[in-house]
Amino acid sequence: MQEDPRLNRNKVHFPRLNIYEKIPVLSATIHQDIKRPLFSMSERTVKSIRQITDEILYTLLVKM
């Protein structure tokens, strides 16, 4: 069986890193008292912690 020549390791082209758009990321530490309810909500709803926190923050912003 012949390999596809386009998949040859020596011929694969990787784009430069500066081509990619840099997306700002907000980093925060979650307090232990808030972490437990977030984990339980995540298990109940089968969503990630990130999805839950995004929904909570969005809801709070809308209320403002």
PDB file of N, CA and C in Angstrom:
ATOM      1  N   MET A   1       0.837  -1.175   0.000  1.00  0.00           N
ATOM      2  CA  MET A   1       0.000   0.000   0.000  1.00  0.00           C
ATOM      3  C   MET A   1       0.890   1.250   0.000  1.00  0.00           C
ATOM      4  N   GLN A   2       0.621   2.153  -0.924  1.00  0.00           N
ATOM      5  CA  GLN A   2       1.420   3.360  -1.020  1.00  0.00           C
ATOM      6  C   GLN A   2       0.845   4.471  -0.156  1.00  0.00           C
ATOM      7  N   GLU A   3       1.757   5.269   0.394  1.00  0.00           N
ATOM      8  CA  GLU A   3       1.328   6.404   1.204  1.00  0.00           C
ATOM      9  C   GLU A   3       1.075   7.607   0.304  1.00  0.00           C
ATOM     10  N   ASP A   4       0.198   8.437   0.749  1.00  0.00           N
ATOM     11  CA  ASP A   4      -0.091   9.672   0.026  1.00  0.00           C
ATOM     12  C   ASP A   4       1.131  10.583   0.112  1.00  0.00           C
ATOM     13  N   PRO A   5       1.692  11.050  -1.003  1.00  0.00           N
ATOM     14  CA  PRO A   5       2.893  11.888  -0.958  1.00  0.00           C
ATOM     15  C   PRO A   5       2.655  13.230  -0.262  1.00  0.00           C
ATOM     16  N   ARG A   6       1.413  13.689  -0.211  1.00  0.00           N
ATOM     17  CA  ARG A   6       1.119  14.951   0.473  1.00  0.00           C
ATOM     18  C   ARG A   6       1.297  14.835   1.983  1.00  0.00           C
ATOM     19  N   LEU A   7       1.289  13.612   2.494  1.00  0.00           N
ATOM     20  CA  LEU A   7       1.410  13.404   3.930  1.00  0.00           C
ATOM     21  C   LEU A   7       2.843  13.123   4.365  1.00  0.00           C
ATOM     22  N   ASN A   8       3.765  13.243   3.456  1.00  0.00           N
ATOM     23  CA  ASN A   8       5.164  13.041   3.787  1.00  0.00           C
ATOM     24  C   ASN A   8       5.604  14.095   4.801  1.00  0.00           C
ATOM     25  N   ARG A   9       6.261  13.662   5.876  1.00  0.00           N
ATOM     26  CA  ARG A   9       6.666  14.583   6.947  1.00  0.00           C
ATOM     27  C   ARG A   9       7.549  15.713   6.458  1.00  0.00           C
ATOM     28  N   ASN A  10       8.343  15.471   5.466  1.00  0.00           N
ATOM     29  CA  ASN A  10       9.272  16.483   4.972  1.00  0.00           C
ATOM     30  C   ASN A  10       8.592  17.527   4.087  1.00  0.00           C
ATOM     31  N   LYS A  11       7.391  17.237   3.629  1.00  0.00           N
ATOM     32  CA  LYS A  11       6.721  18.147   2.708  1.00  0.00           C
ATOM     33  C   LYS A  11       5.508  18.845   3.319  1.00  0.00           C
ATOM     34  N   VAL A  12       5.174  18.555   4.555  1.00  0.00           N
ATOM     35  CA  VAL A  12       4.000  19.169   5.180  1.00  0.00           C
ATOM     36  C   VAL A  12       4.321  20.605   5.534  1.00  0.00           C
ATOM     37  N   HIS A  13       3.414  21.517   5.181  1.00  0.00           N
ATOM     38  CA  HIS A  13       3.612  22.941   5.451  1.00  0.00           C
ATOM     39  C   HIS A  13       2.781  23.361   6.654  1.00  0.00           C
ATOM     40  N   PHE A  14       3.431  23.978   7.620  1.00  0.00           N
ATOM     41  CA  PHE A  14       2.742  24.506   8.788  1.00  0.00           C
ATOM     42  C   PHE A  14       2.729  26.025   8.695  1.00  0.00           C
ATOM     43  N   PRO A  15       1.551  26.652   8.824  1.00  0.00           N
ATOM     44  CA  PRO A  15       1.522  28.113   8.753  1.00  0.00           C
ATOM     45  C   PRO A  15       2.242  28.739   9.938  1.00  0.00           C
ATOM     46  N   ARG A  16       2.735  29.940   9.743  1.00  0.00           N
ATOM     47  CA  ARG A  16       3.415  30.642  10.830  1.00  0.00           C
ATOM     48  C   ARG A  16       2.446  30.987  11.942  1.00  0.00           C
ATOM     49  N   LEU A  17       2.972  31.115  13.149  1.00  0.00           N
ATOM     50  CA  LEU A  17       2.122  31.417  14.293  1.00  0.00           C
ATOM     51  C   LEU A  17       1.527  32.814  14.227  1.00  0.00           C
ATOM     52  N   ASN A  18       2.200  33.762  13.576  1.00  0.00           N
ATOM     53  CA  ASN A  18       1.683  35.124  13.537  1.00  0.00           C
ATOM     54  C   ASN A  18       0.466  35.269  12.628  1.00  0.00           C
ATOM     55  N   ILE A  19       0.119  34.229  11.886  1.00  0.00           N
ATOM     56  CA  ILE A  19      -1.070  34.255  11.033  1.00  0.00           C
ATOM     57  C   ILE A  19      -2.334  34.156  11.894  1.00  0.00           C
ATOM     58  N   TYR A  20      -2.257  33.419  12.981  1.00  0.00           N
ATOM     59  CA  TYR A  20      -3.418  33.179  13.813  1.00  0.00           C
ATOM     60  C   TYR A  20      -3.784  34.428  14.606  1.00  0.00           C
ATOM     61  N   GLU A  21      -5.067  34.654  14.753  1.00  0.00           N
ATOM     62  CA  GLU A  21      -5.543  35.792  15.541  1.00  0.00           C
ATOM     63  C   GLU A  21      -5.388  35.466  17.021  1.00  0.00           C
ATOM     64  N   LYS A  22      -4.862  36.400  17.758  1.00  0.00           N
ATOM     65  CA  LYS A  22      -4.708  36.196  19.195  1.00  0.00           C
ATOM     66  C   LYS A  22      -5.976  36.655  19.896  1.00  0.00           C
ATOM     67  N   ILE A  23      -6.607  35.745  20.615  1.00  0.00           N
ATOM     68  CA  ILE A  23      -7.861  36.023  21.295  1.00  0.00           C
ATOM     69  C   ILE A  23      -7.561  36.304  22.770  1.00  0.00           C
ATOM     70  N   PRO A  24      -8.050  37.438  23.297  1.00  0.00           N
ATOM     71  CA  PRO A  24      -7.801  37.709  24.711  1.00  0.00           C
ATOM     72  C   PRO A  24      -8.553  36.711  25.597  1.00  0.00           C
ATOM     73  N   VAL A  25      -7.914  36.302  26.664  1.00  0.00           N
ATOM     74  CA  VAL A  25      -8.503  35.320  27.570  1.00  0.00           C
ATOM     75  C   VAL A  25      -8.565  35.926  28.964  1.00  0.00           C
ATOM     76  N   LEU A  26      -9.716  35.786  29.586  1.00  0.00           N
ATOM     77  CA  LEU A  26      -9.880  36.251  30.954  1.00  0.00           C
ATOM     78  C   LEU A  26      -9.578  35.081  31.880  1.00  0.00           C
ATOM     79  N   SER A  27      -8.670  35.292  32.782  1.00  0.00           N
ATOM     80  CA  SER A  27      -8.292  34.239  33.713  1.00  0.00           C
ATOM     81  C   SER A  27      -8.699  34.656  35.114  1.00  0.00           C
ATOM     82  N   ALA A  28      -9.291  33.735  35.842  1.00  0.00           N
ATOM     83  CA  ALA A  28      -9.718  34.044  37.199  1.00  0.00           C
ATOM     84  C   ALA A  28      -9.615  32.791  38.059  1.00  0.00           C
ATOM     85  N   THR A  29      -9.414  33.008  39.333  1.00  0.00           N
ATOM     86  CA  THR A  29      -9.402  31.908  40.285  1.00  0.00           C
ATOM     87  C   THR A  29     -10.780  31.830  40.923  1.00  0.00           C
ATOM     88  N   ILE A  30     -11.337  30.635  40.944  1.00  0.00           N
ATOM     89  CA  ILE A  30     -12.671  30.446  41.505  1.00  0.00           C
ATOM     90  C   ILE A  30     -12.533  30.117  42.990  1.00  0.00           C
ATOM     91  N   HIS A  31     -13.243  30.874  43.808  1.00  0.00           N
ATOM     92  CA  HIS A  31     -13.204  30.646  45.247  1.00  0.00           C
ATOM     93  C   HIS A  31     -13.813  29.286  45.581  1.00  0.00           C
ATOM     94  N   GLN A  32     -13.311  28.652  46.613  1.00  0.00           N
ATOM     95  CA  GLN A  32     -13.747  27.307  47.003  1.00  0.00           C
ATOM     96  C   GLN A  32     -15.248  27.242  47.289  1.00  0.00           C
ATOM     97  N   ASP A  33     -15.809  28.304  47.891  1.00  0.00           N
ATOM     98  CA  ASP A  33     -17.247  28.307  48.200  1.00  0.00           C
ATOM     99  C   ASP A  33     -18.108  28.334  46.944  1.00  0.00           C
ATOM    100  N   ILE A  34     -17.593  28.911  45.884  1.00  0.00           N
ATOM    101  CA  ILE A  34     -18.342  28.985  44.629  1.00  0.00           C
ATOM    102  C   ILE A  34     -18.080  27.755  43.772  1.00  0.00           C
ATOM    103  N   LYS A  35     -16.926  27.148  43.945  1.00  0.00           N
ATOM    104  CA  LYS A  35     -16.524  26.015  43.116  1.00  0.00           C
ATOM    105  C   LYS A  35     -17.458  24.807  43.288  1.00  0.00           C
ATOM    106  N   ARG A  36     -17.832  24.507  44.519  1.00  0.00           N
ATOM    107  CA  ARG A  36     -18.699  23.334  44.758  1.00  0.00           C
ATOM    108  C   ARG A  36     -20.040  23.438  44.033  1.00  0.00           C
ATOM    109  N   PRO A  37     -20.775  24.564  44.185  1.00  0.00           N
ATOM    110  CA  PRO A  37     -22.046  24.655  43.446  1.00  0.00           C
ATOM    111  C   PRO A  37     -21.855  24.611  41.927  1.00  0.00           C
ATOM    112  N   LEU A  38     -20.754  25.201  41.432  1.00  0.00           N
ATOM    113  CA  LEU A  38     -20.511  25.154  39.989  1.00  0.00           C
ATOM    114  C   LEU A  38     -20.286  23.721  39.509  1.00  0.00           C
ATOM    115  N   PHE A  39     -19.531  22.954  40.283  1.00  0.00           N
ATOM    116  CA  PHE A  39     -19.297  21.559  39.912  1.00  0.00           C
ATOM    117  C   PHE A  39     -20.588  20.747  39.948  1.00  0.00           C
ATOM    118  N   SER A  40     -21.411  20.977  40.959  1.00  0.00           N
ATOM    119  CA  SER A  40     -22.669  20.219  41.039  1.00  0.00           C
ATOM    120  C   SER A  40     -23.606  20.616  39.893  1.00  0.00           C
ATOM    121  N   MET A  41     -23.641  21.919  39.545  1.00  0.00           N
ATOM    122  CA  MET A  41     -24.450  22.350  38.402  1.00  0.00           C
ATOM    123  C   MET A  41     -23.928  21.737  37.115  1.00  0.00           C
ATOM    124  N   SER A  42     -22.630  21.650  36.995  1.00  0.00           N
ATOM    125  CA  SER A  42     -22.035  21.083  35.788  1.00  0.00           C
ATOM    126  C   SER A  42     -22.374  19.599  35.644  1.00  0.00           C
ATOM    127  N   GLU A  43     -22.394  18.875  36.741  1.00  0.00           N
ATOM    128  CA  GLU A  43     -22.755  17.454  36.687  1.00  0.00           C
ATOM    129  C   GLU A  43     -24.232  17.265  36.372  1.00  0.00           C
ATOM    130  N   ARG A  44     -25.085  18.125  36.930  1.00  0.00           N
ATOM    131  CA  ARG A  44     -26.532  18.007  36.685  1.00  0.00           C
ATOM    132  C   ARG A  44     -26.893  18.351  35.246  1.00  0.00           C
ATOM    133  N   THR A  45     -26.289  19.391  34.714  1.00  0.00           N
ATOM    134  CA  THR A  45     -26.673  19.881  33.391  1.00  0.00           C
ATOM    135  C   THR A  45     -25.816  19.311  32.266  1.00  0.00           C
ATOM    136  N   VAL A  46     -24.787  18.565  32.602  1.00  0.00           N
ATOM    137  CA  VAL A  46     -23.851  17.994  31.626  1.00  0.00           C
ATOM    138  C   VAL A  46     -23.241  19.108  30.764  1.00  0.00           C
ATOM    139  N   LYS A  47     -22.869  20.194  31.433  1.00  0.00           N
ATOM    140  CA  LYS A  47     -22.175  21.301  30.778  1.00  0.00           C
ATOM    141  C   LYS A  47     -20.841  21.486  31.477  1.00  0.00           C
ATOM    142  N   SER A  48     -19.943  22.158  30.783  1.00  0.00           N
ATOM    143  CA  SER A  48     -18.644  22.422  31.400  1.00  0.00           C
ATOM    144  C   SER A  48     -18.769  23.596  32.371  1.00  0.00           C
ATOM    145  N   ILE A  49     -17.803  23.689  33.265  1.00  0.00           N
ATOM    146  CA  ILE A  49     -17.773  24.801  34.220  1.00  0.00           C
ATOM    147  C   ILE A  49     -17.715  26.124  33.456  1.00  0.00           C
ATOM    148  N   ARG A  50     -16.968  26.139  32.395  1.00  0.00           N
ATOM    149  CA  ARG A  50     -16.837  27.360  31.599  1.00  0.00           C
ATOM    150  C   ARG A  50     -18.174  27.799  31.017  1.00  0.00           C
ATOM    151  N   GLN A  51     -18.956  26.854  30.499  1.00  0.00           N
ATOM    152  CA  GLN A  51     -20.267  27.182  29.950  1.00  0.00           C
ATOM    153  C   GLN A  51     -21.181  27.749  31.030  1.00  0.00           C
ATOM    154  N   ILE A  52     -21.146  27.157  32.202  1.00  0.00           N
ATOM    155  CA  ILE A  52     -21.999  27.616  33.298  1.00  0.00           C
ATOM    156  C   ILE A  52     -21.599  29.017  33.744  1.00  0.00           C
ATOM    157  N   THR A  53     -20.303  29.255  33.927  1.00  0.00           N
ATOM    158  CA  THR A  53     -19.858  30.581  34.345  1.00  0.00           C
ATOM    159  C   THR A  53     -20.172  31.623  33.279  1.00  0.00           C
ATOM    160  N   ASP A  54     -20.040  31.265  32.003  1.00  0.00           N
ATOM    161  CA  ASP A  54     -20.394  32.198  30.933  1.00  0.00           C
ATOM    162  C   ASP A  54     -21.873  32.570  30.990  1.00  0.00           C
ATOM    163  N   GLU A  55     -22.725  31.573  31.224  1.00  0.00           N
ATOM    164  CA  GLU A  55     -24.165  31.833  31.313  1.00  0.00           C
ATOM    165  C   GLU A  55     -24.494  32.725  32.515  1.00  0.00           C
ATOM    166  N   ILE A  56     -23.856  32.454  33.644  1.00  0.00           N
ATOM    167  CA  ILE A  56     -24.102  33.249  34.844  1.00  0.00           C
ATOM    168  C   ILE A  56     -23.653  34.693  34.625  1.00  0.00           C
ATOM    169  N   LEU A  57     -22.456  34.874  34.090  1.00  0.00           N
ATOM    170  CA  LEU A  57     -21.956  36.224  33.838  1.00  0.00           C
ATOM    171  C   LEU A  57     -22.824  36.969  32.827  1.00  0.00           C
ATOM    172  N   TYR A  58     -23.267  36.274  31.799  1.00  0.00           N
ATOM    173  CA  TYR A  58     -24.122  36.905  30.793  1.00  0.00           C
ATOM    174  C   TYR A  58     -25.438  37.340  31.427  1.00  0.00           C
ATOM    175  N   THR A  59     -26.038  36.470  32.229  1.00  0.00           N
ATOM    176  CA  THR A  59     -27.299  36.795  32.895  1.00  0.00           C
ATOM    177  C   THR A  59     -27.142  38.015  33.795  1.00  0.00           C
ATOM    178  N   LEU A  60     -26.049  38.068  34.531  1.00  0.00           N
ATOM    179  CA  LEU A  60     -25.809  39.209  35.411  1.00  0.00           C
ATOM    180  C   LEU A  60     -25.588  40.497  34.622  1.00  0.00           C
ATOM    181  N   LEU A  61     -24.893  40.397  33.493  1.00  0.00           N
ATOM    182  CA  LEU A  61     -24.690  41.585  32.659  1.00  0.00           C
ATOM    183  C   LEU A  61     -25.998  42.101  32.075  1.00  0.00           C
ATOM    184  N   VAL A  62     -26.876  41.192  31.676  1.00  0.00           N
ATOM    185  CA  VAL A  62     -28.156  41.578  31.114  1.00  0.00           C
ATOM    186  C   VAL A  62     -28.992  42.295  32.187  1.00  0.00           C
ATOM    187  N   LYS A  63     -28.927  41.821  33.423  1.00  0.00           N
ATOM    188  CA  LYS A  63     -29.697  42.438  34.509  1.00  0.00           C
ATOM    189  C   LYS A  63     -29.186  43.830  34.836  1.00  0.00           C
ATOM    190  N   MET A  64     -27.905  44.100  34.573  1.00  0.00           N
ATOM    191  CA  MET A  64     -27.358  45.435  34.851  1.00  0.00           C
ATOM    192  C   MET A  64     -27.949  46.404  33.872  1.00  0.00           C
TER     193      MET A  64
END
